[in-house]
Amino acid sequence: MTFAEHFSSVGAHLDKSVAAYNKSVGSLDHRVLPHLRKFQDLGAAGTKELAEPEAIEKTAVGLSAAEIRPALPLAEGGEA
């Protein structure tokens, strides 16, 4: 594997990590927090407020240098 391929792989994995994080935030918002709010309504909550995480709306920047792009696999956006 070349350096460019390693670098491209890191970017792809970062994007997958962000997607997994965002799915976790969605699950927390729609599944977990509503149940915790019910505990609060029943007076069974602690004194500490839970901070609600925000989704990440960033993606890894792709490699664009002409010297590197031809070395990238086609699946990663390289040229034929």
Foldseek 3Di string as FASTA:
>chain_A
DDPLQVVLVVQVVVQVVLVVVQVVLVCCVPPVVVVQVVCVVVVNDDPDDDDRDDRDDDGDDHDDDPVRQCVYDVVSPHDD
